[in-house]
PDB file of N, CA and C in Angstrom:
ATOM      1  N   UNK A   1     122.190 126.659  97.868  1.00  0.00           N
ATOM      2  CA  UNK A   1     122.022 125.772  96.729  1.00  0.00           C
ATOM      3  C   UNK A   1     120.839 126.249  95.900  1.00  0.00           C
ATOM      4  N   UNK A   2     121.074 126.514  94.631  1.00  0.00           N
ATOM      5  CA  UNK A   2     120.024 127.016  93.744  1.00  0.00           C
ATOM      6  C   UNK A   2     118.853 126.052  93.664  1.00  0.00           C
ATOM      7  N   UNK A   3     119.142 124.767  93.739  1.00  0.00           N
ATOM      8  CA  UNK A   3     118.088 123.759  93.623  1.00  0.00           C
ATOM      9  C   UNK A   3     117.270 123.611  94.906  1.00  0.00           C
ATOM     10  N   UNK A   4     117.767 124.123  96.026  1.00  0.00           N
ATOM     11  CA  UNK A   4     117.057 123.988  97.296  1.00  0.00           C
ATOM     12  C   UNK A   4     116.027 125.105  97.398  1.00  0.00           C
ATOM     13  N   UNK A   5     114.806 124.792  97.038  1.00  0.00           N
ATOM     14  CA  UNK A   5     113.781 125.827  96.961  1.00  0.00           C
ATOM     15  C   UNK A   5     112.654 125.632  97.962  1.00  0.00           C
ATOM     16  N   UNK A   6     112.646 124.525  98.693  1.00  0.00           N
ATOM     17  CA  UNK A   6     111.544 124.289  99.618  1.00  0.00           C
ATOM     18  C   UNK A   6     111.710 125.140 100.876  1.00  0.00           C
ATOM     19  N   UNK A   7     110.597 125.419 101.523  1.00  0.00           N
ATOM     20  CA  UNK A   7     110.615 126.044 102.837  1.00  0.00           C
ATOM     21  C   UNK A   7     110.022 125.039 103.813  1.00  0.00           C
ATOM     22  N   UNK A   8     110.654 124.841 104.945  1.00  0.00           N
ATOM     23  CA  UNK A   8     110.116 123.866 105.892  1.00  0.00           C
ATOM     24  C   UNK A   8     108.734 124.277 106.385  1.00  0.00           C
ATOM     25  N   UNK A   9     107.894 123.302 106.592  1.00  0.00           N
ATOM     26  CA  UNK A   9     106.543 123.543 107.100  1.00  0.00           C
ATOM     27  C   UNK A   9     106.416 122.927 108.478  1.00  0.00           C
ATOM     28  N   UNK A  10     105.634 123.578 109.319  1.00  0.00           N
ATOM     29  CA  UNK A  10     105.386 123.025 110.650  1.00  0.00           C
ATOM     30  C   UNK A  10     104.606 121.724 110.512  1.00  0.00           C
ATOM     31  N   UNK A  11     105.016 120.727 111.260  1.00  0.00           N
ATOM     32  CA  UNK A  11     104.309 119.446 111.243  1.00  0.00           C
ATOM     33  C   UNK A  11     102.991 119.602 111.990  1.00  0.00           C
ATOM     34  N   UNK A  12     101.957 118.935 111.514  1.00  0.00           N
ATOM     35  CA  UNK A  12     100.640 119.043 112.135  1.00  0.00           C
ATOM     36  C   UNK A  12     100.687 118.588 113.591  1.00  0.00           C
ATOM     37  N   UNK A  13     101.535 117.608 113.898  1.00  0.00           N
ATOM     38  CA  UNK A  13     101.669 117.148 115.283  1.00  0.00           C
ATOM     39  C   UNK A  13     102.204 118.266 116.180  1.00  0.00           C
ATOM     40  N   UNK A  14     103.138 119.045 115.665  1.00  0.00           N
ATOM     41  CA  UNK A  14     103.699 120.146 116.450  1.00  0.00           C
ATOM     42  C   UNK A  14     102.651 121.227 116.685  1.00  0.00           C
ATOM     43  N   UNK A  15     101.840 121.488 115.682  1.00  0.00           N
ATOM     44  CA  UNK A  15     100.785 122.495 115.833  1.00  0.00           C
ATOM     45  C   UNK A  15      99.765 122.035 116.868  1.00  0.00           C
ATOM     46  N   UNK A  16      99.362 120.777 116.788  1.00  0.00           N
ATOM     47  CA  UNK A  16      98.404 120.239 117.765  1.00  0.00           C
ATOM     48  C   UNK A  16      98.974 120.284 119.177  1.00  0.00           C
ATOM     49  N   UNK A  17     100.227 119.889 119.325  1.00  0.00           N
ATOM     50  CA  UNK A  17     100.866 119.911 120.634  1.00  0.00           C
ATOM     51  C   UNK A  17     100.955 121.336 121.166  1.00  0.00           C
ATOM     52  N   UNK A  18     101.318 122.254 120.305  1.00  0.00           N
ATOM     53  CA  UNK A  18     101.402 123.665 120.683  1.00  0.00           C
ATOM     54  C   UNK A  18     100.052 124.171 121.181  1.00  0.00           C
ATOM     55  N   UNK A  19      98.988 123.905 120.432  1.00  0.00           N
ATOM     56  CA  UNK A  19      97.657 124.379 120.823  1.00  0.00           C
ATOM     57  C   UNK A  19      97.164 123.699 122.096  1.00  0.00           C
ATOM     58  N   UNK A  20      97.437 122.413 122.243  1.00  0.00           N
ATOM     59  CA  UNK A  20      97.039 121.700 123.462  1.00  0.00           C
ATOM     60  C   UNK A  20      97.772 122.273 124.676  1.00  0.00           C
ATOM     61  N   UNK A  21      99.064 122.515 124.530  1.00  0.00           N
ATOM     62  CA  UNK A  21      99.859 123.046 125.640  1.00  0.00           C
ATOM     63  C   UNK A  21      99.383 124.440 126.039  1.00  0.00           C
ATOM     64  N   UNK A  22      99.169 125.308 125.062  1.00  0.00           N
ATOM     65  CA  UNK A  22      98.722 126.666 125.376  1.00  0.00           C
ATOM     66  C   UNK A  22      97.341 126.651 126.019  1.00  0.00           C
ATOM     67  N   UNK A  23      96.480 125.763 125.571  1.00  0.00           N
ATOM     68  CA  UNK A  23      95.148 125.647 126.169  1.00  0.00           C
ATOM     69  C   UNK A  23      95.249 125.158 127.613  1.00  0.00           C
ATOM     70  N   UNK A  24      96.057 124.132 127.840  1.00  0.00           N
ATOM     71  CA  UNK A  24      96.245 123.572 129.178  1.00  0.00           C
ATOM     72  C   UNK A  24      96.801 124.619 130.144  1.00  0.00           C
ATOM     73  N   UNK A  25      97.766 125.405 129.662  1.00  0.00           N
ATOM     74  CA  UNK A  25      98.408 126.411 130.514  1.00  0.00           C
ATOM     75  C   UNK A  25      97.598 127.708 130.601  1.00  0.00           C
ATOM     76  N   UNK A  26      96.578 127.840 129.760  1.00  0.00           N
ATOM     77  CA  UNK A  26      95.778 129.066 129.755  1.00  0.00           C
ATOM     78  C   UNK A  26      96.491 130.236 129.101  1.00  0.00           C
ATOM     79  N   UNK A  27      97.444 129.937 128.218  1.00  0.00           N
ATOM     80  CA  UNK A  27      98.183 130.988 127.527  1.00  0.00           C
ATOM     81  C   UNK A  27      97.332 131.571 126.403  1.00  0.00           C
ATOM     82  N   UNK A  28      97.442 132.873 126.170  1.00  0.00           N
ATOM     83  CA  UNK A  28      96.783 133.431 124.986  1.00  0.00           C
ATOM     84  C   UNK A  28      97.578 133.050 123.732  1.00  0.00           C
ATOM     85  N   UNK A  29      96.892 132.882 122.629  1.00  0.00           N
ATOM     86  CA  UNK A  29      97.528 132.565 121.353  1.00  0.00           C
ATOM     87  C   UNK A  29      97.234 133.714 120.398  1.00  0.00           C
ATOM     88  N   UNK A  30      98.273 134.248 119.798  1.00  0.00           N
ATOM     89  CA  UNK A  30      98.127 135.334 118.836  1.00  0.00           C
ATOM     90  C   UNK A  30      98.616 134.856 117.480  1.00  0.00           C
ATOM     91  N   UNK A  31      97.994 135.362 116.460  1.00  0.00           N
ATOM     92  CA  UNK A  31      98.379 135.032 115.089  1.00  0.00           C
ATOM     93  C   UNK A  31      98.787 136.314 114.398  1.00  0.00           C
ATOM     94  N   UNK A  32      99.736 136.209 113.501  1.00  0.00           N
ATOM     95  CA  UNK A  32     100.159 137.385 112.747  1.00  0.00           C
ATOM     96  C   UNK A  32     100.459 136.999 111.306  1.00  0.00           C
ATOM     97  N   UNK A  33     100.489 137.986 110.473  1.00  0.00           N
ATOM     98  CA  UNK A  33     100.833 137.791 109.072  1.00  0.00           C
ATOM     99  C   UNK A  33     101.862 138.849 108.702  1.00  0.00           C
ATOM    100  N   UNK A  34     102.912 138.445 108.056  1.00  0.00           N
ATOM    101  CA  UNK A  34     103.925 139.391 107.599  1.00  0.00           C
ATOM    102  C   UNK A  34     103.566 139.772 106.169  1.00  0.00           C
ATOM    103  N   UNK A  35     103.189 141.022 105.978  1.00  0.00           N
ATOM    104  CA  UNK A  35     102.825 141.490 104.648  1.00  0.00           C
ATOM    105  C   UNK A  35     104.038 141.412 103.723  1.00  0.00           C
ATOM    106  N   UNK A  36     103.840 140.867 102.562  1.00  0.00           N
ATOM    107  CA  UNK A  36     104.906 140.757 101.556  1.00  0.00           C
ATOM    108  C   UNK A  36     106.149 140.078 102.130  1.00  0.00           C
ATOM    109  N   UNK A  37     105.934 138.998 102.875  1.00  0.00           N
ATOM    110  CA  UNK A  37     107.034 138.311 103.566  1.00  0.00           C
ATOM    111  C   UNK A  37     108.169 137.939 102.625  1.00  0.00           C
ATOM    112  N   UNK A  38     107.836 137.487 101.427  1.00  0.00           N
ATOM    113  CA  UNK A  38     108.879 137.020 100.513  1.00  0.00           C
ATOM    114  C   UNK A  38     109.843 138.135 100.120  1.00  0.00           C
ATOM    115  N   UNK A  39     109.408 139.377 100.198  1.00  0.00           N
ATOM    116  CA  UNK A  39     110.285 140.483  99.820  1.00  0.00           C
ATOM    117  C   UNK A  39     111.367 140.746 100.860  1.00  0.00           C
ATOM    118  N   UNK A  40     111.247 140.139 102.036  1.00  0.00           N
ATOM    119  CA  UNK A  40     112.236 140.339 103.091  1.00  0.00           C
ATOM    120  C   UNK A  40     113.364 139.316 103.039  1.00  0.00           C
ATOM    121  N   UNK A  41     113.200 138.277 102.270  1.00  0.00           N
ATOM    122  CA  UNK A  41     114.226 137.243 102.183  1.00  0.00           C
ATOM    123  C   UNK A  41     115.352 137.660 101.257  1.00  0.00           C
ATOM    124  N   UNK A  42     116.573 137.409 101.680  1.00  0.00           N
ATOM    125  CA  UNK A  42     117.742 137.705 100.853  1.00  0.00           C
ATOM    126  C   UNK A  42     118.202 136.409 100.196  1.00  0.00           C
ATOM    127  N   UNK A  43     118.423 136.461  98.900  1.00  0.00           N
ATOM    128  CA  UNK A  43     118.880 135.266  98.195  1.00  0.00           C
ATOM    129  C   UNK A  43     120.395 135.327  98.031  1.00  0.00           C
ATOM    130  N   UNK A  44     121.008 134.163  98.042  1.00  0.00           N
ATOM    131  CA  UNK A  44     122.463 134.091  97.919  1.00  0.00           C
ATOM    132  C   UNK A  44     122.895 133.764  96.495  1.00  0.00           C
ATOM    133  N   UNK A  45     121.990 133.182  95.724  1.00  0.00           N
ATOM    134  CA  UNK A  45     122.319 132.812  94.349  1.00  0.00           C
ATOM    135  C   UNK A  45     122.283 134.058  93.463  1.00  0.00           C
ATOM    136  N   UNK A  46     123.000 133.980  92.353  1.00  0.00           N
ATOM    137  CA  UNK A  46     122.915 135.060  91.374  1.00  0.00           C
ATOM    138  C   UNK A  46     121.736 134.770  90.461  1.00  0.00           C
ATOM    139  N   UNK A  47     120.751 135.657  90.508  1.00  0.00           N
ATOM    140  CA  UNK A  47     119.552 135.516  89.686  1.00  0.00           C
ATOM    141  C   UNK A  47     119.364 136.824  88.928  1.00  0.00           C
ATOM    142  N   UNK A  48     119.089 136.706  87.646  1.00  0.00           N
ATOM    143  CA  UNK A  48     118.874 137.882  86.812  1.00  0.00           C
ATOM    144  C   UNK A  48     117.494 137.803  86.182  1.00  0.00           C
ATOM    145  N   UNK A  49     116.874 138.967  86.006  1.00  0.00           N
ATOM    146  CA  UNK A  49     115.557 139.015  85.371  1.00  0.00           C
ATOM    147  C   UNK A  49     115.597 139.997  84.207  1.00  0.00           C
ATOM    148  N   UNK A  50     114.755 139.715  83.228  1.00  0.00           N
ATOM    149  CA  UNK A  50     114.606 140.621  82.087  1.00  0.00           C
ATOM    150  C   UNK A  50     113.765 141.821  82.506  1.00  0.00           C
ATOM    151  N   UNK A  51     113.808 142.844  81.698  1.00  0.00           N
ATOM    152  CA  UNK A  51     112.986 144.012  81.961  1.00  0.00           C
ATOM    153  C   UNK A  51     111.516 143.640  81.770  1.00  0.00           C
ATOM    154  N   UNK A  52     110.669 143.978  82.742  1.00  0.00           N
ATOM    155  CA  UNK A  52     109.254 143.629  82.603  1.00  0.00           C
ATOM    156  C   UNK A  52     108.585 144.435  81.492  1.00  0.00           C
ATOM    157  N   UNK A  53     107.596 143.837  80.833  1.00  0.00           N
ATOM    158  CA  UNK A  53     106.875 144.547  79.767  1.00  0.00           C
ATOM    159  C   UNK A  53     106.300 145.869  80.282  1.00  0.00           C
ATOM    160  N   UNK A  54     106.510 146.912  79.502  1.00  0.00           N
ATOM    161  CA  UNK A  54     106.029 148.237  79.877  1.00  0.00           C
ATOM    162  C   UNK A  54     107.053 149.042  80.653  1.00  0.00           C
ATOM    163  N   UNK A  55     108.142 148.409  81.065  1.00  0.00           N
ATOM    164  CA  UNK A  55     109.179 149.090  81.831  1.00  0.00           C
ATOM    165  C   UNK A  55     110.547 148.942  81.172  1.00  0.00           C
ATOM    166  N   UNK A  56     110.552 148.670  79.873  1.00  0.00           N
ATOM    167  CA  UNK A  56     111.809 148.500  79.160  1.00  0.00           C
ATOM    168  C   UNK A  56     112.511 149.843  79.011  1.00  0.00           C
ATOM    169  N   UNK A  57     113.827 149.807  79.088  1.00  0.00           N
ATOM    170  CA  UNK A  57     114.640 150.991  78.847  1.00  0.00           C
ATOM    171  C   UNK A  57     114.906 151.034  77.347  1.00  0.00           C
ATOM    172  N   UNK A  58     114.342 152.014  76.621  1.00  0.00           N
ATOM    173  CA  UNK A  58     114.508 152.044  75.161  1.00  0.00           C
ATOM    174  C   UNK A  58     115.966 152.199  74.726  1.00  0.00           C
ATOM    175  N   UNK A  59     116.803 152.790  75.574  1.00  0.00           N
ATOM    176  CA  UNK A  59     118.213 152.956  75.223  1.00  0.00           C
ATOM    177  C   UNK A  59     119.018 151.682  75.500  1.00  0.00           C
ATOM    178  N   UNK A  60     118.473 150.794  76.329  1.00  0.00           N
ATOM    179  CA  UNK A  60     119.147 149.531  76.669  1.00  0.00           C
ATOM    180  C   UNK A  60     118.110 148.409  76.684  1.00  0.00           C
ATOM    181  N   UNK A  61     117.585 148.039  75.527  1.00  0.00           N
ATOM    182  CA  UNK A  61     116.489 147.056  75.485  1.00  0.00           C
ATOM    183  C   UNK A  61     116.885 145.649  75.935  1.00  0.00           C
ATOM    184  N   UNK A  62     118.164 145.326  75.894  1.00  0.00           N
ATOM    185  CA  UNK A  62     118.606 143.983  76.290  1.00  0.00           C
ATOM    186  C   UNK A  62     119.144 143.934  77.721  1.00  0.00           C
ATOM    187  N   UNK A  63     118.983 145.015  78.463  1.00  0.00           N
ATOM    188  CA  UNK A  63     119.500 145.082  79.830  1.00  0.00           C
ATOM    189  C   UNK A  63     118.742 144.105  80.734  1.00  0.00           C
ATOM    190  N   UNK A  64     119.482 143.455  81.632  1.00  0.00           N
ATOM    191  CA  UNK A  64     118.879 142.574  82.642  1.00  0.00           C
ATOM    192  C   UNK A  64     119.250 143.122  84.017  1.00  0.00           C
ATOM    193  N   UNK A  65     118.491 142.706  85.022  1.00  0.00           N
ATOM    194  CA  UNK A  65     118.711 143.196  86.381  1.00  0.00           C
ATOM    195  C   UNK A  65     119.063 142.048  87.311  1.00  0.00           C
ATOM    196  N   UNK A  66     120.030 142.307  88.182  1.00  0.00           N
ATOM    197  CA  UNK A  66     120.406 141.305  89.179  1.00  0.00           C
ATOM    198  C   UNK A  66     119.444 141.431  90.362  1.00  0.00           C
ATOM    199  N   UNK A  67     118.883 140.298  90.774  1.00  0.00           N
ATOM    200  CA  UNK A  67     117.943 140.274  91.891  1.00  0.00           C
ATOM    201  C   UNK A  67     118.740 140.177  93.187  1.00  0.00           C
ATOM    202  N   UNK A  68     118.468 141.083  94.123  1.00  0.00           N
ATOM    203  CA  UNK A  68     119.159 141.087  95.411  1.00  0.00           C
ATOM    204  C   UNK A  68     118.265 140.488  96.495  1.00  0.00           C
ATOM    205  N   UNK A  69     117.008 140.867  96.493  1.00  0.00           N
ATOM    206  CA  UNK A  69     116.031 140.343  97.452  1.00  0.00           C
ATOM    207  C   UNK A  69     115.115 139.373  96.722  1.00  0.00           C
ATOM    208  N   UNK A  70     114.531 138.472  97.480  1.00  0.00           N
ATOM    209  CA  UNK A  70     113.619 137.500  96.881  1.00  0.00           C
ATOM    210  C   UNK A  70     112.405 138.219  96.297  1.00  0.00           C
ATOM    211  N   UNK A  71     111.895 137.684  95.231  1.00  0.00           N
ATOM    212  CA  UNK A  71     110.698 138.214  94.591  1.00  0.00           C
ATOM    213  C   UNK A  71     109.580 137.194  94.692  1.00  0.00           C
ATOM    214  N   UNK A  72     108.357 137.675  94.793  1.00  0.00           N
ATOM    215  CA  UNK A  72     107.214 136.771  94.787  1.00  0.00           C
ATOM    216  C   UNK A  72     107.228 135.999  93.471  1.00  0.00           C
ATOM    217  N   UNK A  73     107.108 134.705  93.550  1.00  0.00           N
ATOM    218  CA  UNK A  73     107.133 133.874  92.354  1.00  0.00           C
ATOM    219  C   UNK A  73     108.497 133.262  92.080  1.00  0.00           C
ATOM    220  N   UNK A  74     109.539 133.797  92.699  1.00  0.00           N
ATOM    221  CA  UNK A  74     110.875 133.230  92.545  1.00  0.00           C
ATOM    222  C   UNK A  74     110.938 131.931  93.345  1.00  0.00           C
ATOM    223  N   UNK A  75     111.479 130.892  92.754  1.00  0.00           N
ATOM    224  CA  UNK A  75     111.500 129.581  93.405  1.00  0.00           C
ATOM    225  C   UNK A  75     112.201 129.606  94.764  1.00  0.00           C
ATOM    226  N   UNK A  76     113.191 130.453  94.920  1.00  0.00           N
ATOM    227  CA  UNK A  76     113.944 130.501  96.171  1.00  0.00           C
ATOM    228  C   UNK A  76     113.259 131.333  97.251  1.00  0.00           C
ATOM    229  N   UNK A  77     112.184 132.053  96.927  1.00  0.00           N
ATOM    230  CA  UNK A  77     111.573 133.007  97.853  1.00  0.00           C
ATOM    231  C   UNK A  77     111.112 132.392  99.174  1.00  0.00           C
ATOM    232  N   UNK A  78     110.381 131.274  99.178  1.00  0.00           N
ATOM    233  CA  UNK A  78     109.956 130.716 100.474  1.00  0.00           C
ATOM    234  C   UNK A  78     111.131 130.322 101.367  1.00  0.00           C
ATOM    235  N   UNK A  79     112.126 129.705 100.776  1.00  0.00           N
ATOM    236  CA  UNK A  79     113.299 129.290 101.550  1.00  0.00           C
ATOM    237  C   UNK A  79     114.055 130.511 102.066  1.00  0.00           C
ATOM    238  N   UNK A  80     114.194 131.540 101.244  1.00  0.00           N
ATOM    239  CA  UNK A  80     114.902 132.757 101.652  1.00  0.00           C
ATOM    240  C   UNK A  80     114.188 133.432 102.822  1.00  0.00           C
ATOM    241  N   UNK A  81     112.856 133.482 102.769  1.00  0.00           N
ATOM    242  CA  UNK A  81     112.093 134.080 103.870  1.00  0.00           C
ATOM    243  C   UNK A  81     112.285 133.273 105.154  1.00  0.00           C
ATOM    244  N   UNK A  82     112.213 131.952 105.063  1.00  0.00           N
ATOM    245  CA  UNK A  82     112.397 131.114 106.250  1.00  0.00           C
ATOM    246  C   UNK A  82     113.779 131.341 106.855  1.00  0.00           C
ATOM    247  N   UNK A  83     114.806 131.380 106.030  1.00  0.00           N
ATOM    248  CA  UNK A  83     116.169 131.578 106.532  1.00  0.00           C
ATOM    249  C   UNK A  83     116.325 132.952 107.176  1.00  0.00           C
ATOM    250  N   UNK A  84     115.703 133.979 106.599  1.00  0.00           N
ATOM    251  CA  UNK A  84     115.766 135.324 107.170  1.00  0.00           C
ATOM    252  C   UNK A  84     115.092 135.357 108.535  1.00  0.00           C
ATOM    253  N   UNK A  85     113.906 134.766 108.631  1.00  0.00           N
ATOM    254  CA  UNK A  85     113.180 134.726 109.901  1.00  0.00           C
ATOM    255  C   UNK A  85     113.942 133.903 110.937  1.00  0.00           C
ATOM    256  N   UNK A  86     114.426 132.731 110.546  1.00  0.00           N
ATOM    257  CA  UNK A  86     115.154 131.865 111.476  1.00  0.00           C
ATOM    258  C   UNK A  86     116.407 132.560 112.002  1.00  0.00           C
ATOM    259  N   UNK A  87     117.136 133.219 111.138  1.00  0.00           N
ATOM    260  CA  UNK A  87     118.341 133.936 111.554  1.00  0.00           C
ATOM    261  C   UNK A  87     118.004 135.019 112.567  1.00  0.00           C
ATOM    262  N   UNK A  88     116.953 135.774 112.300  1.00  0.00           N
ATOM    263  CA  UNK A  88     116.532 136.839 113.220  1.00  0.00           C
ATOM    264  C   UNK A  88     116.168 136.262 114.592  1.00  0.00           C
ATOM    265  N   UNK A  89     115.372 135.194 114.600  1.00  0.00           N
ATOM    266  CA  UNK A  89     114.948 134.601 115.868  1.00  0.00           C
ATOM    267  C   UNK A  89     116.138 134.035 116.645  1.00  0.00           C
ATOM    268  N   UNK A  90     117.034 133.351 115.966  1.00  0.00           N
ATOM    269  CA  UNK A  90     118.203 132.780 116.638  1.00  0.00           C
ATOM    270  C   UNK A  90     119.129 133.867 117.188  1.00  0.00           C
ATOM    271  N   UNK A  91     119.270 134.968 116.459  1.00  0.00           N
ATOM    272  CA  UNK A  91     120.086 136.086 116.941  1.00  0.00           C
ATOM    273  C   UNK A  91     119.462 136.759 118.157  1.00  0.00           C
ATOM    274  N   UNK A  92     118.164 136.571 118.350  1.00  0.00           N
ATOM    275  CA  UNK A  92     117.454 137.163 119.479  1.00  0.00           C
ATOM    276  C   UNK A  92     117.151 136.131 120.560  1.00  0.00           C
ATOM    277  N   UNK A  93     118.039 135.163 120.694  1.00  0.00           N
ATOM    278  CA  UNK A  93     118.058 134.167 121.771  1.00  0.00           C
ATOM    279  C   UNK A  93     116.872 133.201 121.770  1.00  0.00           C
ATOM    280  N   UNK A  94     116.285 132.970 120.627  1.00  0.00           N
ATOM    281  CA  UNK A  94     115.322 131.879 120.500  1.00  0.00           C
ATOM    282  C   UNK A  94     116.119 130.607 120.241  1.00  0.00           C
ATOM    283  N   UNK A  95     115.534 129.476 120.570  1.00  0.00           N
ATOM    284  CA  UNK A  95     116.152 128.189 120.268  1.00  0.00           C
ATOM    285  C   UNK A  95     115.213 127.407 119.367  1.00  0.00           C
ATOM    286  N   UNK A  96     115.784 126.664 118.438  1.00  0.00           N
ATOM    287  CA  UNK A  96     114.961 125.804 117.578  1.00  0.00           C
ATOM    288  C   UNK A  96     114.410 124.653 118.400  1.00  0.00           C
ATOM    289  N   UNK A  97     113.183 124.257 118.062  1.00  0.00           N
ATOM    290  CA  UNK A  97     112.612 123.086 118.702  1.00  0.00           C
ATOM    291  C   UNK A  97     113.399 121.850 118.309  1.00  0.00           C
ATOM    292  N   UNK A  98     113.502 120.899 119.208  1.00  0.00           N
ATOM    293  CA  UNK A  98     114.272 119.694 118.907  1.00  0.00           C
ATOM    294  C   UNK A  98     113.483 118.726 118.036  1.00  0.00           C
ATOM    295  N   UNK A  99     112.176 118.708 118.190  1.00  0.00           N
ATOM    296  CA  UNK A  99     111.351 117.786 117.406  1.00  0.00           C
ATOM    297  C   UNK A  99     110.925 118.409 116.086  1.00  0.00           C
ATOM    298  N   UNK A 100     110.614 119.694 116.113  1.00  0.00           N
ATOM    299  CA  UNK A 100     110.175 120.396 114.906  1.00  0.00           C
ATOM    300  C   UNK A 100     111.048 121.634 114.727  1.00  0.00           C
ATOM    301  N   UNK A 101     111.839 121.648 113.670  1.00  0.00           N
ATOM    302  CA  UNK A 101     112.779 122.742 113.421  1.00  0.00           C
ATOM    303  C   UNK A 101     112.103 124.056 113.045  1.00  0.00           C
ATOM    304  N   UNK A 102     110.783 124.033 112.811  1.00  0.00           N
ATOM    305  CA  UNK A 102     110.074 125.269 112.488  1.00  0.00           C
ATOM    306  C   UNK A 102     109.532 125.946 113.742  1.00  0.00           C
ATOM    307  N   UNK A 103     109.676 125.308 114.887  1.00  0.00           N
ATOM    308  CA  UNK A 103     109.223 125.878 116.157  1.00  0.00           C
ATOM    309  C   UNK A 103     110.411 126.544 116.840  1.00  0.00           C
ATOM    310  N   UNK A 104     110.231 127.790 117.247  1.00  0.00           N
ATOM    311  CA  UNK A 104     111.281 128.532 117.938  1.00  0.00           C
ATOM    312  C   UNK A 104     110.781 128.886 119.332  1.00  0.00           C
ATOM    313  N   UNK A 105     111.646 128.709 120.321  1.00  0.00           N
ATOM    314  CA  UNK A 105     111.254 128.858 121.719  1.00  0.00           C
ATOM    315  C   UNK A 105     112.198 129.834 122.407  1.00  0.00           C
ATOM    316  N   UNK A 106     111.613 130.733 123.188  1.00  0.00           N
ATOM    317  CA  UNK A 106     112.420 131.645 124.000  1.00  0.00           C
ATOM    318  C   UNK A 106     111.849 131.627 125.414  1.00  0.00           C
ATOM    319  N   UNK A 107     112.703 131.285 126.381  1.00  0.00           N
ATOM    320  CA  UNK A 107     112.300 131.260 127.787  1.00  0.00           C
ATOM    321  C   UNK A 107     112.954 132.438 128.488  1.00  0.00           C
ATOM    322  N   UNK A 108     112.147 133.157 129.245  1.00  0.00           N
ATOM    323  CA  UNK A 108     112.652 134.303 129.982  1.00  0.00           C
ATOM    324  C   UNK A 108     111.971 134.292 131.345  1.00  0.00           C
ATOM    325  N   UNK A 109     112.729 133.951 132.374  1.00  0.00           N
ATOM    326  CA  UNK A 109     112.196 133.770 133.724  1.00  0.00           C
ATOM    327  C   UNK A 109     111.040 132.777 133.671  1.00  0.00           C
ATOM    328  N   UNK A 110     109.818 133.204 133.968  1.00  0.00           N
ATOM    329  CA  UNK A 110     108.677 132.280 133.954  1.00  0.00           C
ATOM    330  C   UNK A 110     107.898 132.335 132.643  1.00  0.00           C
ATOM    331  N   UNK A 111     108.317 133.171 131.728  1.00  0.00           N
ATOM    332  CA  UNK A 111     107.598 133.343 130.464  1.00  0.00           C
ATOM    333  C   UNK A 111     108.189 132.455 129.377  1.00  0.00           C
ATOM    334  N   UNK A 112     107.321 132.011 128.488  1.00  0.00           N
ATOM    335  CA  UNK A 112     107.736 131.216 127.331  1.00  0.00           C
ATOM    336  C   UNK A 112     107.109 131.848 126.097  1.00  0.00           C
ATOM    337  N   UNK A 113     107.924 132.082 125.092  1.00  0.00           N
ATOM    338  CA  UNK A 113     107.429 132.607 123.823  1.00  0.00           C
ATOM    339  C   UNK A 113     107.691 131.561 122.755  1.00  0.00           C
ATOM    340  N   UNK A 114     106.638 131.139 122.084  1.00  0.00           N
ATOM    341  CA  UNK A 114     106.740 130.135 121.021  1.00  0.00           C
ATOM    342  C   UNK A 114     106.394 130.788 119.691  1.00  0.00           C
ATOM    343  N   UNK A 115     107.249 130.598 118.714  1.00  0.00           N
ATOM    344  CA  UNK A 115     107.004 131.127 117.363  1.00  0.00           C
ATOM    345  C   UNK A 115     107.093 129.969 116.404  1.00  0.00           C
TER     346      UNK A 115
END
C-alpha cells in the first residue's frame, strides 16, 4: 500500500524486558548498525523520480527514472527496510515475538538469539 509508510518500532517495554532478561541470564548484548539500511529495502509500488540537478541528460531532459530500491528520504523506505529484514529473519528460522512484532527469536539447542 503506497500510503503505508510507517515502520514498526520496538516498544520500550520489550526493550526493558530484553535487557532485564539478558542481564539476569548473563548474556552478552551486542549492538549493530546497518550502513545505508534504507538502500536495502525493495519497494513494491511504482515510484518515479526526476533527474537530479547536475545529472540531467541533455538529449532527454524530461526523462524520469523508475525507482527499484528504496531511497533515503522516500516515504516508503523505513517500511521497505523493515519488511526486507523481517523476511530475511523469518526465512532463517527466526520467529516473531508474540507480544512485540519487532522482536525476532531463534532457539537452537540451549542458545537463544534475539534480534
